Amino acid sequence: MKKTFSFILICAAFQLANAQNITGRIADSINGRPLSYAIILYNFQKNITYSDESGFFYLEKDSLPRNDSILIQFLGYRNLIISVKDLKDNAVFKMIEEPSSLGPVVVSNCTKIKEYRINRRVGRIKQFIGPGP
């Protein structure tokens, strides 16, 4: 019993030693401030994680295929694509600011009225346009 337990303990220790995590930090390219809650897509964009409030993120090396790349997104910055082959532990990824603007938004309060011909009479039927009853 003692031999079995110590064998399992040694195997678990080797498993933990082989598991590698990659740590990265996402920052602004101009002033170096961390970008909190940036989106990191990996595993052929099937998995997602976020950077923490200090701009750090953590990925397991075993969960990344060798020919994959990670995509980092943050609102107001250019997307950053890094190959897994070029990914190093404790790397700082500096994102370039890319201002974007929204087009004009028009809000109006008008109802749509359609005309229908029923039994040779022209009538107006108000139609409710909205989220539904």
C-alpha atoms as a PDB file:
ATOM      1  CA  MET A   1       0.000   0.000   0.000  1.00  0.00           C
ATOM      2  CA  LYS A   2       2.810   2.390   0.889  1.00  0.00           C
ATOM      3  CA  LYS A   3       4.650   1.579  -2.354  1.00  0.00           C
ATOM      4  CA  THR A   4       1.531   2.242  -4.432  1.00  0.00           C
ATOM      5  CA  PHE A   5       0.884   5.563  -2.697  1.00  0.00           C
ATOM      6  CA  SER A   6       4.476   6.749  -3.127  1.00  0.00           C
ATOM      7  CA  PHE A   7       4.434   5.666  -6.794  1.00  0.00           C
ATOM      8  CA  ILE A   8       1.257   7.719  -7.410  1.00  0.00           C
ATOM      9  CA  LEU A   9       2.780  10.665  -5.575  1.00  0.00           C
ATOM     10  CA  ILE A  10       5.945  10.554  -7.699  1.00  0.00           C
ATOM     11  CA  CYS A  11       3.916  10.300 -10.932  1.00  0.00           C
ATOM     12  CA  ALA A  12       1.829  13.305  -9.897  1.00  0.00           C
ATOM     13  CA  ALA A  13       4.979  15.309  -9.136  1.00  0.00           C
ATOM     14  CA  PHE A  14       6.400  14.542 -12.598  1.00  0.00           C
ATOM     15  CA  GLN A  15       3.103  15.475 -14.215  1.00  0.00           C
ATOM     16  CA  LEU A  16       3.099  18.838 -12.442  1.00  0.00           C
ATOM     17  CA  ALA A  17       6.712  19.445 -13.390  1.00  0.00           C
ATOM     18  CA  ASN A  18       5.967  18.782 -17.087  1.00  0.00           C
ATOM     19  CA  ALA A  19       2.911  21.060 -17.206  1.00  0.00           C
ATOM     20  CA  GLN A  20       4.038  24.470 -18.440  1.00  0.00           C
ATOM     21  CA  ASN A  21       2.114  27.682 -18.263  1.00  0.00           C
ATOM     22  CA  ILE A  22       2.756  30.678 -20.465  1.00  0.00           C
ATOM     23  CA  THR A  23       2.351  34.072 -18.851  1.00  0.00           C
ATOM     24  CA  GLY A  24       2.000  37.210 -20.926  1.00  0.00           C
ATOM     25  CA  ARG A  25       1.245  40.860 -20.333  1.00  0.00           C
ATOM     26  CA  ILE A  26      -0.722  43.163 -22.638  1.00  0.00           C
ATOM     27  CA  ALA A  27       0.178  46.860 -22.594  1.00  0.00           C
ATOM     28  CA  ASP A  28      -0.287  50.090 -24.534  1.00  0.00           C
ATOM     29  CA  SER A  29       2.561  50.716 -26.991  1.00  0.00           C
ATOM     30  CA  ILE A  30       2.877  54.438 -26.174  1.00  0.00           C
ATOM     31  CA  ASN A  31       2.721  54.710 -22.402  1.00  0.00           C
ATOM     32  CA  GLY A  32       3.066  51.059 -21.344  1.00  0.00           C
ATOM     33  CA  ARG A  33      -0.062  51.028 -19.172  1.00  0.00           C
ATOM     34  CA  PRO A  34      -1.702  47.611 -18.846  1.00  0.00           C
ATOM     35  CA  LEU A  35      -4.786  46.829 -20.928  1.00  0.00           C
ATOM     36  CA  SER A  36      -7.259  45.198 -18.579  1.00  0.00           C
ATOM     37  CA  TYR A  37      -9.689  42.537 -19.781  1.00  0.00           C
ATOM     38  CA  ALA A  38      -8.299  42.195 -23.311  1.00  0.00           C
ATOM     39  CA  ILE A  39      -9.637  39.225 -25.282  1.00  0.00           C
ATOM     40  CA  ILE A  40      -7.238  36.370 -26.102  1.00  0.00           C
ATOM     41  CA  LEU A  41      -8.441  33.766 -28.615  1.00  0.00           C
ATOM     42  CA  TYR A  42      -6.494  30.510 -29.061  1.00  0.00           C
ATOM     43  CA  ASN A  43      -6.847  26.888 -30.194  1.00  0.00           C
ATOM     44  CA  PHE A  44      -7.840  28.006 -33.704  1.00  0.00           C
ATOM     45  CA  GLN A  45     -10.123  30.651 -32.160  1.00  0.00           C
ATOM     46  CA  LYS A  46     -12.250  28.051 -30.378  1.00  0.00           C
ATOM     47  CA  ASN A  47     -11.152  28.972 -26.845  1.00  0.00           C
ATOM     48  CA  ILE A  48     -11.092  32.367 -25.186  1.00  0.00           C
ATOM     49  CA  THR A  49      -9.535  33.907 -22.123  1.00  0.00           C
ATOM     50  CA  TYR A  50      -9.143  37.441 -20.820  1.00  0.00           C
ATOM     51  CA  SER A  51      -6.297  39.433 -19.341  1.00  0.00           C
ATOM     52  CA  ASP A  52      -6.696  40.406 -15.692  1.00  0.00           C
ATOM     53  CA  GLU A  53      -6.843  43.969 -14.311  1.00  0.00           C
ATOM     54  CA  SER A  54      -3.035  44.200 -14.516  1.00  0.00           C
ATOM     55  CA  GLY A  55      -2.956  43.081 -18.163  1.00  0.00           C
ATOM     56  CA  PHE A  56      -1.617  39.569 -17.411  1.00  0.00           C
ATOM     57  CA  PHE A  57      -2.960  36.377 -18.976  1.00  0.00           C
ATOM     58  CA  TYR A  58      -2.089  32.712 -18.504  1.00  0.00           C
ATOM     59  CA  LEU A  59      -2.240  29.847 -21.006  1.00  0.00           C
ATOM     60  CA  GLU A  60      -1.313  26.177 -20.661  1.00  0.00           C
ATOM     61  CA  LYS A  61       1.410  25.241 -23.145  1.00  0.00           C
ATOM     62  CA  ASP A  62      -0.169  21.791 -23.635  1.00  0.00           C
ATOM     63  CA  SER A  63      -3.489  23.314 -24.778  1.00  0.00           C
ATOM     64  CA  LEU A  64      -1.845  25.153 -27.699  1.00  0.00           C
ATOM     65  CA  PRO A  65      -1.284  23.252 -30.950  1.00  0.00           C
ATOM     66  CA  ARG A  66       2.152  23.868 -32.474  1.00  0.00           C
ATOM     67  CA  ASN A  67       0.785  25.397 -35.711  1.00  0.00           C
ATOM     68  CA  ASP A  68      -1.740  27.633 -33.936  1.00  0.00           C
ATOM     69  CA  SER A  69      -1.594  31.351 -33.198  1.00  0.00           C
ATOM     70  CA  ILE A  70      -3.188  33.536 -30.558  1.00  0.00           C
ATOM     71  CA  LEU A  71      -5.263  36.603 -31.391  1.00  0.00           C
ATOM     72  CA  ILE A  72      -5.354  39.506 -28.922  1.00  0.00           C
ATOM     73  CA  GLN A  73      -8.173  42.052 -29.212  1.00  0.00           C
ATOM     74  CA  PHE A  74      -8.908  45.237 -27.297  1.00  0.00           C
ATOM     75  CA  LEU A  75     -11.409  47.951 -28.206  1.00  0.00           C
ATOM     76  CA  GLY A  76      -9.670  50.947 -29.775  1.00  0.00           C
ATOM     77  CA  TYR A  77      -6.483  48.994 -30.624  1.00  0.00           C
ATOM     78  CA  ARG A  78      -5.287  46.989 -33.614  1.00  0.00           C
ATOM     79  CA  ASN A  79      -5.633  43.216 -33.362  1.00  0.00           C
ATOM     80  CA  LEU A  80      -2.394  41.418 -32.576  1.00  0.00           C
ATOM     81  CA  ILE A  81      -1.658  37.921 -33.926  1.00  0.00           C
ATOM     82  CA  ILE A  82       1.232  35.899 -32.456  1.00  0.00           C
ATOM     83  CA  SER A  83       2.314  32.456 -33.612  1.00  0.00           C
ATOM     84  CA  VAL A  84       2.600  29.805 -30.892  1.00  0.00           C
ATOM     85  CA  LYS A  85       6.129  29.086 -32.117  1.00  0.00           C
ATOM     86  CA  ASP A  86       7.113  32.688 -31.315  1.00  0.00           C
ATOM     87  CA  LEU A  87       5.286  32.755 -27.976  1.00  0.00           C
ATOM     88  CA  LYS A  88       7.632  33.159 -25.005  1.00  0.00           C
ATOM     89  CA  ASP A  89       6.956  33.109 -21.290  1.00  0.00           C
ATOM     90  CA  ASN A  90       6.701  36.507 -19.522  1.00  0.00           C
ATOM     91  CA  ALA A  91       6.510  38.384 -22.831  1.00  0.00           C
ATOM     92  CA  VAL A  92       4.988  41.863 -23.033  1.00  0.00           C
ATOM     93  CA  PHE A  93       2.697  42.427 -26.005  1.00  0.00           C
ATOM     94  CA  LYS A  94       2.386  46.103 -26.906  1.00  0.00           C
ATOM     95  CA  MET A  95      -0.778  47.024 -28.779  1.00  0.00           C
ATOM     96  CA  ILE A  96      -1.002  49.977 -31.163  1.00  0.00           C
ATOM     97  CA  GLU A  97      -3.890  52.366 -30.668  1.00  0.00           C
ATOM     98  CA  GLU A  98      -6.333  52.592 -33.573  1.00  0.00           C
ATOM     99  CA  PRO A  99      -9.061  55.159 -33.036  1.00  0.00           C
ATOM    100  CA  SER A 100     -12.442  54.252 -34.414  1.00  0.00           C
ATOM    101  CA  SER A 101     -15.598  56.276 -34.662  1.00  0.00           C
ATOM    102  CA  LEU A 102     -19.217  55.352 -34.927  1.00  0.00           C
ATOM    103  CA  GLY A 103     -21.427  56.568 -37.721  1.00  0.00           C
ATOM    104  CA  PRO A 104     -24.363  58.844 -36.929  1.00  0.00           C
ATOM    105  CA  VAL A 105     -27.295  57.329 -35.077  1.00  0.00           C
ATOM    106  CA  VAL A 106     -30.798  58.612 -35.838  1.00  0.00           C
ATOM    107  CA  VAL A 107     -33.560  58.102 -33.315  1.00  0.00           C
ATOM    108  CA  SER A 108     -37.105  58.986 -34.293  1.00  0.00           C
ATOM    109  CA  ASN A 109     -40.577  58.470 -32.919  1.00  0.00           C
ATOM    110  CA  CYS A 110     -42.887  57.765 -35.813  1.00  0.00           C
ATOM    111  CA  THR A 111     -45.366  55.003 -36.495  1.00  0.00           C
ATOM    112  CA  LYS A 112     -45.659  53.186 -39.776  1.00  0.00           C
ATOM    113  CA  ILE A 113     -49.033  53.320 -41.451  1.00  0.00           C
ATOM    114  CA  LYS A 114     -49.856  51.054 -44.368  1.00  0.00           C
ATOM    115  CA  GLU A 115     -52.853  51.356 -46.640  1.00  0.00           C
ATOM    116  CA  TYR A 116     -54.844  48.231 -47.451  1.00  0.00           C
ATOM    117  CA  ARG A 117     -57.801  47.783 -49.815  1.00  0.00           C
ATOM    118  CA  ILE A 118     -60.495  45.728 -48.118  1.00  0.00           C
ATOM    119  CA  ASN A 119     -63.883  45.222 -49.821  1.00  0.00           C
ATOM    120  CA  ARG A 120     -63.175  48.128 -52.201  1.00  0.00           C
ATOM    121  CA  ARG A 121     -62.629  50.591 -49.351  1.00  0.00           C
ATOM    122  CA  VAL A 122     -59.311  52.195 -48.627  1.00  0.00           C
ATOM    123  CA  GLY A 123     -58.411  52.009 -44.978  1.00  0.00           C
ATOM    124  CA  ARG A 124     -55.397  52.752 -42.867  1.00  0.00           C
ATOM    125  CA  ILE A 125     -54.139  50.172 -40.442  1.00  0.00           C
ATOM    126  CA  LYS A 126     -51.532  51.044 -37.878  1.00  0.00           C
ATOM    127  CA  GLN A 127     -48.877  48.399 -37.528  1.00  0.00           C
ATOM    128  CA  PHE A 128     -46.970  48.006 -34.258  1.00  0.00           C
ATOM    129  CA  ILE A 129     -43.224  48.006 -34.860  1.00  0.00           C
ATOM    130  CA  GLY A 130     -41.239  46.977 -31.814  1.00  0.00           C
ATOM    131  CA  PRO A 131     -39.968  44.129 -29.702  1.00  0.00           C
ATOM    132  CA  GLY A 132     -43.321  42.359 -29.727  1.00  0.00           C
ATOM    133  CA  PRO A 133     -46.117  41.780 -27.251  1.00  0.00           C
END
